[in-house]
N, C-alpha and C. Protein backbone atom coordinates (compact mmCIF):
# COMPACT_ATOMS: atom_id res chain seq x y z
N UNK A 1 122.68 101.99 106.36
CA UNK A 1 122.15 101.08 107.14
C UNK A 1 122.03 101.56 108.63
N UNK A 2 120.97 101.32 109.19
CA UNK A 2 120.75 101.78 110.65
C UNK A 2 121.67 101.08 111.64
N UNK A 3 121.80 101.63 112.71
CA UNK A 3 122.36 101.00 113.91
C UNK A 3 121.55 99.92 114.40
N UNK A 4 120.13 100.01 114.42
CA UNK A 4 119.43 99.00 114.80
C UNK A 4 119.51 97.81 113.93
N UNK A 5 119.52 97.98 112.58
CA UNK A 5 119.72 96.84 111.71
C UNK A 5 121.17 96.18 111.90
N UNK A 6 122.18 96.83 112.02
CA UNK A 6 123.46 96.17 112.18
C UNK A 6 123.60 95.51 113.35
N UNK A 7 123.02 95.99 114.37
CA UNK A 7 123.03 95.28 115.90
C UNK A 7 122.15 94.07 115.78
N UNK A 8 121.15 94.11 115.13
CA UNK A 8 120.05 93.07 114.87
C UNK A 8 120.81 91.99 114.10
N UNK A 9 121.39 92.27 113.02
CA UNK A 9 121.95 91.17 112.27
C UNK A 9 123.01 90.42 112.84
N UNK A 10 123.85 91.27 113.71
CA UNK A 10 124.78 90.46 114.65
C UNK A 10 124.23 89.64 115.63
N UNK A 11 123.20 90.09 116.24
CA UNK A 11 122.47 89.21 117.30
C UNK A 11 121.76 88.01 116.68
N UNK A 12 121.13 88.20 115.52
CA UNK A 12 120.70 87.07 114.79
C UNK A 12 121.59 86.06 114.28
N UNK A 13 122.65 86.57 113.74
CA UNK A 13 123.82 85.50 113.49
C UNK A 13 124.32 84.61 114.56
N UNK A 14 124.35 85.34 115.85
CA UNK A 14 124.66 84.65 116.95
C UNK A 14 123.67 83.35 117.36
N UNK A 15 122.44 83.94 117.13
CA UNK A 15 121.16 82.93 117.54
C UNK A 15 121.11 82.00 116.55
N UNK A 16 121.36 82.05 115.48
CA UNK A 16 121.14 81.09 114.32
C UNK A 16 122.43 80.57 113.64
N UNK A 17 123.35 80.29 114.54
CA UNK A 17 124.66 79.78 114.07
C UNK A 17 124.45 78.73 112.92
N UNK A 18 124.97 78.81 111.73
CA UNK A 18 124.93 77.85 110.80
C UNK A 18 123.79 78.11 109.80
N UNK A 19 123.06 79.09 110.22
CA UNK A 19 121.87 79.79 109.20
C UNK A 19 120.48 79.05 109.66
N UNK A 20 119.75 79.40 108.86
CA UNK A 20 118.31 78.97 108.75
C UNK A 20 117.97 78.12 107.74
N UNK A 21 117.98 76.88 107.79
CA UNK A 21 117.71 75.89 106.70
C UNK A 21 116.39 75.72 106.14
N UNK A 22 115.38 76.27 106.84
CA UNK A 22 113.93 75.98 106.48
C UNK A 22 113.62 76.84 105.26
N UNK A 23 114.25 77.83 104.95
CA UNK A 23 113.76 78.76 103.79
C UNK A 23 114.49 80.09 103.96
N UNK A 24 113.66 80.85 103.48
CA UNK A 24 114.18 82.33 103.36
C UNK A 24 113.08 83.22 104.20
N UNK A 25 113.62 83.95 105.32
CA UNK A 25 112.57 84.79 105.97
C UNK A 25 113.09 86.30 105.93
N UNK A 26 112.31 87.26 106.03
CA UNK A 26 112.70 88.48 106.13
C UNK A 26 111.92 89.26 107.34
N UNK A 27 112.74 90.06 108.08
CA UNK A 27 112.03 90.88 109.10
C UNK A 27 112.01 92.23 108.55
N UNK A 28 110.92 92.86 108.58
CA UNK A 28 110.83 94.45 108.24
C UNK A 28 110.75 95.20 109.51
N UNK A 29 111.75 95.83 110.05
CA UNK A 29 111.70 96.69 111.05
C UNK A 29 111.24 98.01 110.69
N UNK A 30 110.08 98.37 111.00
CA UNK A 30 109.50 99.78 110.65
C UNK A 30 110.38 100.95 110.92
N UNK A 31 110.50 101.73 109.85
CA UNK A 31 111.45 102.84 110.11
C UNK A 31 112.95 102.49 110.11
N UNK A 32 113.37 101.40 110.01
CA UNK A 32 114.94 101.03 110.03
C UNK A 32 115.32 100.39 108.93
N UNK A 33 114.62 99.45 108.23
CA UNK A 33 114.98 98.60 107.10
C UNK A 33 114.72 97.06 107.17
N UNK A 34 115.34 96.27 106.47
CA UNK A 34 114.98 94.79 106.38
C UNK A 34 116.25 93.96 106.64
N UNK A 35 115.92 92.75 107.15
CA UNK A 35 116.93 91.76 107.40
C UNK A 35 116.46 90.44 106.82
N UNK A 36 117.29 89.88 106.19
CA UNK A 36 116.97 88.48 105.40
C UNK A 36 117.78 87.49 106.11
N UNK A 37 117.21 86.26 106.59
CA UNK A 37 117.80 85.26 107.15
C UNK A 37 117.54 84.07 106.29
N UNK A 38 118.55 83.15 105.99
CA UNK A 38 118.53 82.01 105.29
C UNK A 38 119.73 80.94 105.68
N UNK A 39 119.95 80.20 104.75
CA UNK A 39 120.90 79.20 105.16
C UNK A 39 122.45 79.79 105.34
N UNK A 40 122.69 80.95 104.72
CA UNK A 40 123.92 81.72 104.83
C UNK A 40 123.90 82.55 106.26
N UNK A 41 122.71 82.64 106.86
CA UNK A 41 122.68 83.47 108.00
C UNK A 41 121.92 84.65 107.85
N UNK A 42 122.02 85.95 108.60
CA UNK A 42 121.24 87.03 108.61
C UNK A 42 122.25 88.00 107.95
N UNK A 43 121.51 89.03 107.10
CA UNK A 43 122.20 90.02 106.58
C UNK A 43 121.20 91.12 106.42
N UNK A 44 121.64 92.42 106.23
CA UNK A 44 120.76 93.52 105.98
C UNK A 44 120.50 93.44 104.32
N UNK A 45 119.22 93.12 103.93
CA UNK A 45 118.87 93.01 102.67
C UNK A 45 117.26 93.23 102.69
N UNK A 46 116.67 93.64 101.47
CA UNK A 46 115.36 93.64 101.21
C UNK A 46 115.01 92.70 100.13
N UNK A 47 115.70 91.43 99.89
CA UNK A 47 115.52 90.59 99.07
C UNK A 47 114.08 89.80 99.17
N UNK A 48 113.65 89.27 98.28
CA UNK A 48 112.35 88.54 98.38
C UNK A 48 112.53 87.32 99.35
N UNK A 49 111.48 86.88 100.04
CA UNK A 49 111.67 85.67 100.96
C UNK A 49 110.42 85.10 101.03
N UNK A 50 110.36 83.73 101.61
CA UNK A 50 109.28 82.91 101.66
C UNK A 50 108.20 83.43 102.76
N UNK A 51 108.73 84.01 103.69
CA UNK A 51 107.78 84.73 104.74
C UNK A 51 108.41 85.93 105.22
N UNK A 52 107.54 86.98 105.32
CA UNK A 52 108.00 88.29 105.79
C UNK A 52 107.27 88.67 107.18
N UNK A 53 108.25 89.13 108.24
CA UNK A 53 107.60 89.47 109.48
C UNK A 53 107.65 90.95 109.69
N UNK A 54 106.82 91.67 109.86
CA UNK A 54 106.97 92.99 110.13
C UNK A 54 106.51 93.56 111.56
N UNK A 55 107.38 94.35 112.10
CA UNK A 55 107.22 94.83 113.53
C UNK A 55 107.79 96.16 113.76
N UNK A 56 107.63 97.03 114.66
CA UNK A 56 108.35 98.11 115.16
C UNK A 56 109.48 97.75 115.82
N UNK A 57 110.42 98.47 116.06
CA UNK A 57 111.75 98.36 116.76
C UNK A 57 111.34 97.58 118.00
N UNK A 58 110.63 98.14 119.02
CA UNK A 58 110.40 97.56 120.37
C UNK A 58 109.90 96.20 120.09
N UNK A 59 109.01 95.80 119.41
CA UNK A 59 108.62 94.62 119.27
C UNK A 59 109.66 93.55 118.87
N UNK A 60 110.35 94.00 117.88
CA UNK A 60 111.46 93.27 117.24
C UNK A 60 112.53 92.89 118.29
N UNK A 61 112.95 94.04 119.19
CA UNK A 61 113.87 93.80 120.04
C UNK A 61 113.35 92.92 121.21
N UNK A 62 112.22 93.07 121.50
CA UNK A 62 111.67 92.15 122.45
C UNK A 62 111.61 90.67 122.13
N UNK A 63 111.43 90.56 120.88
CA UNK A 63 111.43 89.07 120.36
C UNK A 63 112.92 88.64 120.28
N UNK A 64 113.81 89.49 120.06
CA UNK A 64 115.15 89.24 119.95
C UNK A 64 115.76 88.78 121.29
N UNK A 65 115.40 89.61 122.23
CA UNK A 65 116.13 89.53 123.57
C UNK A 65 115.32 88.54 124.43
N UNK A 66 114.28 88.10 123.84
CA UNK A 66 113.40 86.95 124.81
C UNK A 66 112.37 87.50 125.65
N UNK A 67 112.25 88.77 125.63
CA UNK A 67 111.34 89.41 126.73
C UNK A 67 109.81 89.35 126.07
N UNK A 68 109.64 89.21 124.88
CA UNK A 68 108.47 89.01 124.10
C UNK A 68 108.37 87.85 123.21
N UNK A 69 107.38 87.03 123.46
CA UNK A 69 107.09 85.61 122.63
C UNK A 69 106.61 86.07 121.21
N UNK A 70 107.28 85.55 120.20
CA UNK A 70 106.65 85.95 118.81
C UNK A 70 105.25 85.61 118.51
N UNK A 71 104.77 84.51 119.36
CA UNK A 71 103.38 84.05 118.96
C UNK A 71 102.46 85.22 119.61
N UNK A 72 102.79 85.51 120.97
CA UNK A 72 102.09 86.53 121.52
C UNK A 72 102.08 87.96 120.86
N UNK A 73 103.34 88.14 120.30
CA UNK A 73 103.33 89.42 119.47
C UNK A 73 102.41 89.53 118.38
N UNK A 74 102.27 88.35 117.69
CA UNK A 74 101.39 88.17 116.42
C UNK A 74 99.94 88.11 116.98
N UNK A 75 99.63 87.49 118.02
CA UNK A 75 98.34 87.35 118.44
C UNK A 75 97.70 88.74 118.89
N UNK A 76 98.74 89.51 119.40
CA UNK A 76 98.48 90.98 119.83
C UNK A 76 98.56 91.92 118.88
N UNK A 77 98.84 91.59 117.70
CA UNK A 77 98.78 92.52 116.48
C UNK A 77 100.00 93.33 116.47
N UNK A 78 101.05 93.16 117.19
CA UNK A 78 102.26 94.02 117.03
C UNK A 78 103.32 93.36 115.90
N UNK A 79 103.08 92.02 115.71
CA UNK A 79 103.86 91.55 114.49
C UNK A 79 102.84 91.04 113.41
N UNK A 80 103.11 91.08 112.23
CA UNK A 80 102.31 90.76 111.16
C UNK A 80 103.17 89.74 110.29
N UNK A 81 102.62 88.80 109.91
CA UNK A 81 103.26 87.67 109.01
C UNK A 81 102.65 87.67 107.71
N UNK A 82 103.39 87.58 106.65
CA UNK A 82 102.84 87.58 105.24
C UNK A 82 103.84 86.41 104.63
N UNK A 83 103.01 85.46 104.21
CA UNK A 83 103.70 84.32 103.69
C UNK A 83 103.57 82.93 104.48
N UNK A 84 104.54 82.21 104.32
CA UNK A 84 104.54 80.81 104.83
C UNK A 84 104.46 80.91 106.57
N UNK A 85 103.25 80.81 107.12
CA UNK A 85 103.27 80.58 108.43
C UNK A 85 103.86 79.53 109.26
N UNK A 86 104.05 78.43 108.74
CA UNK A 86 104.79 77.38 109.27
C UNK A 86 106.27 77.71 109.40
N UNK A 87 106.78 78.48 108.25
CA UNK A 87 108.00 78.83 108.38
C UNK A 87 108.32 79.83 109.57
N UNK A 88 107.40 80.78 109.60
CA UNK A 88 107.25 81.80 110.61
C UNK A 88 107.46 81.16 112.04
N UNK A 89 106.74 80.02 112.25
CA UNK A 89 106.87 79.34 113.48
C UNK A 89 108.17 78.70 113.67
N UNK A 90 108.51 78.09 112.65
CA UNK A 90 110.08 77.51 112.67
C UNK A 90 111.10 78.61 113.27
N UNK A 91 111.13 79.75 112.50
CA UNK A 91 111.94 80.74 112.68
C UNK A 91 111.78 81.24 114.23
N UNK A 92 110.57 81.45 114.57
CA UNK A 92 110.41 81.71 116.12
C UNK A 92 111.00 80.72 117.07
N UNK A 93 110.92 79.18 116.66
CA UNK A 93 111.50 78.35 117.54
C UNK A 93 113.07 78.42 117.52
N UNK A 94 113.56 78.80 116.26
CA UNK A 94 114.97 78.76 116.03
C UNK A 94 115.64 80.01 116.95
N UNK A 95 114.89 81.07 117.11
CA UNK A 95 115.28 82.20 117.86
C UNK A 95 115.23 82.12 119.31
N UNK A 96 114.31 81.19 119.72
CA UNK A 96 114.00 81.07 121.28
C UNK A 96 115.42 80.62 122.10
């Protein structure tokens, strides 16, 4: 597992204390790996999910640290969403 994934899992678990009850979401960080977020919290995994968000490392880190709005990243083409768009929006709000 990459250092990027390890750091991201820790940061996501701090942001979503108590897990993400809306369903299962997966972040695919290009060149690094995948993170699944669900009711149990965040973990390094490539399990199936209700929604998959794909971005490069810089985009993901910007969304995580708050310097990049997830909606702006999606509209700008640096974040792709496959699956339940409503859940993606709920996840964005949970991470804010």
